[in-house]
C-alpha atoms as a PDB file:
ATOM      1  CA  LEU A   1      86.315 110.260  84.415  1.00  0.00           C
ATOM      2  CA  ASP A   2      88.097 107.682  82.178  1.00  0.00           C
ATOM      3  CA  ASP A   3      91.990 108.015  82.121  1.00  0.00           C
ATOM      4  CA  ARG A   4      92.453 105.141  79.892  1.00  0.00           C
ATOM      5  CA  GLY A   5      93.197 107.080  76.704  1.00  0.00           C
ATOM      6  CA  LEU A   6      95.550 109.411  78.434  1.00  0.00           C
ATOM      7  CA  ALA A   7      97.350 106.402  79.880  1.00  0.00           C
ATOM      8  CA  GLU A   8      97.529 104.704  76.478  1.00  0.00           C
ATOM      9  CA  PHE A   9      98.743 107.896  74.683  1.00  0.00           C
ATOM     10  CA  HIS A  10     101.687 108.333  77.230  1.00  0.00           C
ATOM     11  CA  ALA A  11     102.393 104.524  77.695  1.00  0.00           C
ATOM     12  CA  ARG A  12     103.082 104.050  73.929  1.00  0.00           C
ATOM     13  CA  LEU A  13     105.915 106.465  73.873  1.00  0.00           C
ATOM     14  CA  PHE A  14     107.171 106.251  77.636  1.00  0.00           C
ATOM     15  CA  VAL A  15     110.703 105.266  77.949  1.00  0.00           C
ATOM     16  CA  GLY A  16     113.413 105.607  80.755  1.00  0.00           C
ATOM     17  CA  ARG A  17     112.779 107.498  84.115  1.00  0.00           C
ATOM     18  CA  GLN A  18     113.364 104.101  85.860  1.00  0.00           C
ATOM     19  CA  PRO A  19     115.234 105.753  88.893  1.00  0.00           C
ATOM     20  CA  LEU A  20     112.303 108.270  89.354  1.00  0.00           C
ATOM     21  CA  LEU A  21     109.709 105.321  89.083  1.00  0.00           C
ATOM     22  CA  ASP A  22     111.747 103.232  91.592  1.00  0.00           C
ATOM     23  CA  GLU A  23     111.789 106.408  93.963  1.00  0.00           C
ATOM     24  CA  LEU A  24     108.167 106.915  93.843  1.00  0.00           C
ATOM     25  CA  HIS A  25     107.233 103.255  94.242  1.00  0.00           C
ATOM     26  CA  ALA A  26     109.704 103.106  97.336  1.00  0.00           C
ATOM     27  CA  ARG A  27     107.992 106.162  98.765  1.00  0.00           C
ATOM     28  CA  ILE A  28     104.632 104.558  98.426  1.00  0.00           C
ATOM     29  CA  VAL A  29     105.656 101.337  99.902  1.00  0.00           C
ATOM     30  CA  ALA A  30     107.607 103.017 102.726  1.00  0.00           C
ATOM     31  CA  GLY A  31     104.419 104.875 103.651  1.00  0.00           C
ATOM     32  CA  ASP A  32     106.259 107.388 105.921  1.00  0.00           C
ATOM     33  CA  GLN A  33     105.283 110.371 104.012  1.00  0.00           C
ATOM     34  CA  GLN A  34     101.746 111.290 103.469  1.00  0.00           C
ATOM     35  CA  TYR A  35     102.473 113.716 100.558  1.00  0.00           C
ATOM     36  CA  VAL A  36     105.105 113.345  97.895  1.00  0.00           C
ATOM     37  CA  LEU A  37     105.496 116.319  95.482  1.00  0.00           C
ATOM     38  CA  MET A  38     106.934 115.928  92.134  1.00  0.00           C
ATOM     39  CA  ARG A  39     107.918 119.203  90.650  1.00  0.00           C
ATOM     40  CA  ALA A  40     109.252 119.941  87.098  1.00  0.00           C
ATOM     41  CA  LEU A  41     108.906 122.378  84.374  1.00  0.00           C
ATOM     42  CA  ALA A  42     106.106 122.026  81.842  1.00  0.00           C
ATOM     43  CA  GLY A  43     106.838 119.245  79.232  1.00  0.00           C
ATOM     44  CA  MET A  44     109.310 117.415  81.484  1.00  0.00           C
ATOM     45  CA  GLY A  45     107.021 114.287  81.542  1.00  0.00           C
ATOM     46  CA  LYS A  46     105.162 114.477  85.129  1.00  0.00           C
ATOM     47  CA  THR A  47     101.823 113.556  83.366  1.00  0.00           C
ATOM     48  CA  ALA A  48     103.730 110.797  81.517  1.00  0.00           C
ATOM     49  CA  VAL A  49     104.870 109.372  84.694  1.00  0.00           C
ATOM     50  CA  PHE A  50     101.488 109.480  86.390  1.00  0.00           C
ATOM     51  CA  ALA A  51      99.922 108.065  83.201  1.00  0.00           C
ATOM     52  CA  SER A  52     102.391 105.053  83.563  1.00  0.00           C
ATOM     53  CA  PHE A  53     100.786 104.314  87.015  1.00  0.00           C
ATOM     54  CA  VAL A  54      97.350 104.296  85.435  1.00  0.00           C
ATOM     55  CA  GLN A  55      98.622 101.907  82.669  1.00  0.00           C
ATOM     56  CA  ALA A  56     100.096  99.623  85.125  1.00  0.00           C
ATOM     57  CA  VAL A  57      96.767  99.565  87.124  1.00  0.00           C
ATOM     58  CA  ILE A  58      94.762  98.825  83.955  1.00  0.00           C
ATOM     59  CA  ASN A  59      97.296  96.074  83.109  1.00  0.00           C
ATOM     60  CA  ARG A  60      96.903  94.679  86.564  1.00  0.00           C
ATOM     61  CA  GLY A  61      93.110  94.268  86.019  1.00  0.00           C
ATOM     62  CA  GLN A  62      93.515  92.378  82.748  1.00  0.00           C
ATOM     63  CA  ASP A  63      94.096  88.848  81.990  1.00  0.00           C
ATOM     64  CA  GLU A  64      96.282  89.765  79.029  1.00  0.00           C
ATOM     65  CA  LEU A  65      99.056  92.470  79.267  1.00  0.00           C
ATOM     66  CA  GLY A  66      97.871  95.608  77.397  1.00  0.00           C
ATOM     67  CA  ILE A  67     100.273  98.248  76.648  1.00  0.00           C
ATOM     68  CA  PRO A  68     103.289  97.607  78.848  1.00  0.00           C
ATOM     69  CA  SER A  69     104.201 100.056  81.548  1.00  0.00           C
ATOM     70  CA  PRO A  70     107.490 100.274  83.190  1.00  0.00           C
ATOM     71  CA  LEU A  71     105.499 100.073  86.512  1.00  0.00           C
ATOM     72  CA  ASP A  72     103.963  96.694  85.711  1.00  0.00           C
ATOM     73  CA  ALA A  73     106.536  94.829  87.888  1.00  0.00           C
ATOM     74  CA  LEU A  74     106.490  97.483  90.624  1.00  0.00           C
ATOM     75  CA  ILE A  75     102.974  98.222  91.607  1.00  0.00           C
ATOM     76  CA  ARG A  76     101.713  95.970  94.344  1.00  0.00           C
ATOM     77  CA  PRO A  77      98.431  94.058  93.863  1.00  0.00           C
ATOM     78  CA  GLN A  78      97.122  94.806  97.234  1.00  0.00           C
ATOM     79  CA  ASP A  79      97.595  98.644  96.782  1.00  0.00           C
ATOM     80  CA  ARG A  80      94.527 100.804  95.637  1.00  0.00           C
ATOM     81  CA  TYR A  81      95.202 103.617  93.246  1.00  0.00           C
ATOM     82  CA  VAL A  82      92.814 106.586  92.457  1.00  0.00           C
ATOM     83  CA  PHE A  83      93.760 109.195  89.836  1.00  0.00           C
ATOM     84  CA  HIS A  84      92.802 112.758  88.919  1.00  0.00           C
ATOM     85  CA  PHE A  85      94.498 114.587  86.078  1.00  0.00           C
ATOM     86  CA  CYS A  86      93.791 118.384  86.088  1.00  0.00           C
ATOM     87  CA  MET A  87      93.458 119.795  82.681  1.00  0.00           C
ATOM     88  CA  PRO A  88      91.271 122.303  80.816  1.00  0.00           C
ATOM     89  CA  THR A  89      88.847 119.558  79.315  1.00  0.00           C
ATOM     90  CA  ASP A  90      85.755 118.019  80.937  1.00  0.00           C
ATOM     91  CA  GLY A  91      85.776 120.301  83.881  1.00  0.00           C
ATOM     92  CA  ARG A  92      88.858 118.542  85.274  1.00  0.00           C
ATOM     93  CA  ASN A  93      90.390 121.848  86.665  1.00  0.00           C
ATOM     94  CA  SER A  94      87.370 122.186  88.874  1.00  0.00           C
ATOM     95  CA  PRO A  95      87.716 121.253  92.476  1.00  0.00           C
ATOM     96  CA  THR A  96      84.214 119.844  92.299  1.00  0.00           C
ATOM     97  CA  VAL A  97      84.925 117.655  89.563  1.00  0.00           C
ATOM     98  CA  ALA A  98      88.244 116.378  91.128  1.00  0.00           C
ATOM     99  CA  MET A  99      86.848 115.756  94.531  1.00  0.00           C
ATOM    100  CA  ARG A 100      83.735 113.960  93.351  1.00  0.00           C
ATOM    101  CA  SER A 101      86.076 111.827  90.863  1.00  0.00           C
ATOM    102  CA  LEU A 102      88.401 110.947  93.811  1.00  0.00           C
ATOM    103  CA  ILE A 103      85.706 110.197  96.120  1.00  0.00           C
ATOM    104  CA  ALA A 104      83.752 108.026  93.784  1.00  0.00           C
ATOM    105  CA  GLN A 105      86.970 106.022  93.066  1.00  0.00           C
ATOM    106  CA  ILE A 106      87.712 105.626  96.661  1.00  0.00           C
ATOM    107  CA  CYS A 107      84.199 104.465  97.390  1.00  0.00           C
ATOM    108  CA  ASP A 108      84.347 101.972  94.590  1.00  0.00           C
ATOM    109  CA  HIS A 109      87.703 100.451  95.955  1.00  0.00           C
ATOM    110  CA  PHE A 110      86.170  99.907  99.447  1.00  0.00           C
ATOM    111  CA  GLU A 111      82.619  99.235  98.347  1.00  0.00           C
ATOM    112  CA  LEU A 112      81.291 102.223 100.238  1.00  0.00           C
ATOM    113  CA  ASN A 113      78.154 104.065  99.248  1.00  0.00           C
ATOM    114  CA  ARG A 114      79.066 106.998  97.076  1.00  0.00           C
ATOM    115  CA  GLU A 115      75.847 108.838  98.004  1.00  0.00           C
ATOM    116  CA  HIS A 116      76.886 109.116 101.654  1.00  0.00           C
ATOM    117  CA  TRP A 117      80.290 110.878 100.715  1.00  0.00           C
ATOM    118  CA  LEU A 118      79.206 112.921  97.754  1.00  0.00           C
ATOM    119  CA  SER A 119      77.911 116.324  99.379  1.00  0.00           C
ATOM    120  CA  HIS A 120      76.559 118.935  96.935  1.00  0.00           C
ATOM    121  CA  ASP A 121      78.164 121.516  99.154  1.00  0.00           C
ATOM    122  CA  ILE A 122      81.915 121.980  98.366  1.00  0.00           C
ATOM    123  CA  GLU A 123      82.861 123.191 101.688  1.00  0.00           C
ATOM    124  CA  GLU A 124      81.189 120.184 103.365  1.00  0.00           C
ATOM    125  CA  ARG A 125      82.974 117.858 100.924  1.00  0.00           C
ATOM    126  CA  LYS A 126      86.292 119.636 101.385  1.00  0.00           C
ATOM    127  CA  ASP A 127      86.240 119.959 105.109  1.00  0.00           C
ATOM    128  CA  GLN A 128      84.206 116.946 106.213  1.00  0.00           C
ATOM    129  CA  LYS A 129      83.434 114.348 103.673  1.00  0.00           C
ATOM    130  CA  PHE A 130      86.821 113.828 101.880  1.00  0.00           C
ATOM    131  CA  PRO A 131      88.874 113.909 105.075  1.00  0.00           C
ATOM    132  CA  GLY A 132      86.263 111.578 106.658  1.00  0.00           C
ATOM    133  CA  LEU A 133      86.335 109.249 103.593  1.00  0.00           C
ATOM    134  CA  LEU A 134      90.091 109.091 103.781  1.00  0.00           C
ATOM    135  CA  ALA A 135      89.923 108.194 107.465  1.00  0.00           C
ATOM    136  CA  ARG A 136      87.489 105.502 106.794  1.00  0.00           C
ATOM    137  CA  ALA A 137      89.528 104.155 103.866  1.00  0.00           C
ATOM    138  CA  SER A 138      92.656 104.353 105.983  1.00  0.00           C
ATOM    139  CA  SER A 139      90.890 102.115 108.672  1.00  0.00           C
ATOM    140  CA  LEU A 140      89.973  99.464 106.130  1.00  0.00           C
ATOM    141  CA  LEU A 141      93.492  99.087 104.674  1.00  0.00           C
ATOM    142  CA  GLU A 142      95.044  95.795 105.838  1.00  0.00           C
ATOM    143  CA  GLY A 143      98.796  95.297 106.843  1.00  0.00           C
ATOM    144  CA  ASP A 144     100.955  97.284 104.585  1.00  0.00           C
ATOM    145  CA  GLN A 145      98.369  98.003 102.057  1.00  0.00           C
ATOM    146  CA  ARG A 146      98.252 101.506 100.633  1.00  0.00           C
ATOM    147  CA  LEU A 147      95.663 103.852  99.088  1.00  0.00           C
ATOM    148  CA  VAL A 148      97.596 106.050  96.463  1.00  0.00           C
ATOM    149  CA  VAL A 149      95.892 109.249  95.495  1.00  0.00           C
ATOM    150  CA  ILE A 150      97.691 110.479  92.377  1.00  0.00           C
ATOM    151  CA  ILE A 151      96.800 114.144  91.330  1.00  0.00           C
ATOM    152  CA  ASP A 152      98.596 115.531  88.361  1.00  0.00           C
ATOM    153  CA  ALA A 153      98.958 119.148  87.109  1.00  0.00           C
ATOM    154  CA  LEU A 154      97.901 120.939  90.350  1.00  0.00           C
ATOM    155  CA  ASP A 155      99.010 124.186  88.925  1.00  0.00           C
ATOM    156  CA  GLU A 156      96.383 123.704  86.228  1.00  0.00           C
ATOM    157  CA  GLY A 157      93.739 122.964  89.045  1.00  0.00           C
ATOM    158  CA  ILE A 158      93.704 126.780  89.950  1.00  0.00           C
ATOM    159  CA  GLY A 159      90.762 128.119  88.122  1.00  0.00           C
ATOM    160  CA  SER A 160      88.118 131.058  88.515  1.00  0.00           C
ATOM    161  CA  GLU A 161      86.222 129.195  91.468  1.00  0.00           C
ATOM    162  CA  ASP A 162      86.661 130.217  95.034  1.00  0.00           C
ATOM    163  CA  GLU A 163      88.335 126.953  95.776  1.00  0.00           C
ATOM    164  CA  THR A 164      90.941 125.136  93.802  1.00  0.00           C
ATOM    165  CA  VAL A 165      91.902 121.645  93.415  1.00  0.00           C
ATOM    166  CA  PRO A 166      95.165 122.043  95.607  1.00  0.00           C
ATOM    167  CA  SER A 167      93.086 123.713  98.430  1.00  0.00           C
ATOM    168  CA  CYS A 168      90.918 120.565  98.530  1.00  0.00           C
ATOM    169  CA  ILE A 169      93.882 118.142  99.446  1.00  0.00           C
ATOM    170  CA  PRO A 170      93.166 117.664 103.066  1.00  0.00           C
ATOM    171  CA  ALA A 171      95.905 118.068 105.752  1.00  0.00           C
ATOM    172  CA  GLY A 172      96.138 115.441 108.287  1.00  0.00           C
ATOM    173  CA  THR A 173      97.494 111.892 108.845  1.00  0.00           C
ATOM    174  CA  TYR A 174      95.788 109.002 107.312  1.00  0.00           C
ATOM    175  CA  ASP A 175      97.737 105.744 107.987  1.00  0.00           C
ATOM    176  CA  GLY A 176      98.396 103.840 104.586  1.00  0.00           C
ATOM    177  CA  VAL A 177      97.328 106.889 102.294  1.00  0.00           C
ATOM    178  CA  VAL A 178      99.900 108.454 100.130  1.00  0.00           C
ATOM    179  CA  PHE A 179      99.205 111.533  97.929  1.00  0.00           C
ATOM    180  CA  LEU A 180     101.497 111.999  94.800  1.00  0.00           C
END
C-alpha cells in the first residue's frame, strides 16, 4: 500500500505538536515499551502525527528534501519504519490487508523472502507467521536500532470479519520492536 499521498496531504498543513513528537520519538529511542498507545478524539490529528513519520521516512530516502516534516531531524537513520493506516478504502480495515502489508514491509526492510511469511490462512498469519517474523526481525536489529510499527486508526480496523486489525497485533516481547 502506498501512503505517500496521505503523508503529503497531512505534511503540507501540519504545524505544532512538537512536544508530542518529541515524546513519541523519545519512547521509540528508549525502547523500554513494546506498545505505545496514542488516544484522542476523532479529528484531533492522530493520523496527521503518524503521517508526519511517513513523510520524514520518505524525506530520509531522498537526495533532496521533499515536503518538510517536523520529524525530519528526529527520526534516526538506523531505525526501520513500517506503517498501516486503517480506513474504509482499499480494504485497509481488513486484518488480512493490514497484516500482509506490514509483513511485506518488514520483509523488505530485512531482505527476507515474503513468500515464507505470507500465509493464506489468517489464523496462521496471526498466531505464527507475524509473531515469528517480528522475532526474526528483532534478532536482526543491531545495537540500539529499532523496528517501529505504526498502525493508525485501530478503531476503524474493526470490521465485519471474525478477526480485527487490533486482534492481530501480537502480544509478546520483541527486543527493539516498538508498536505505535
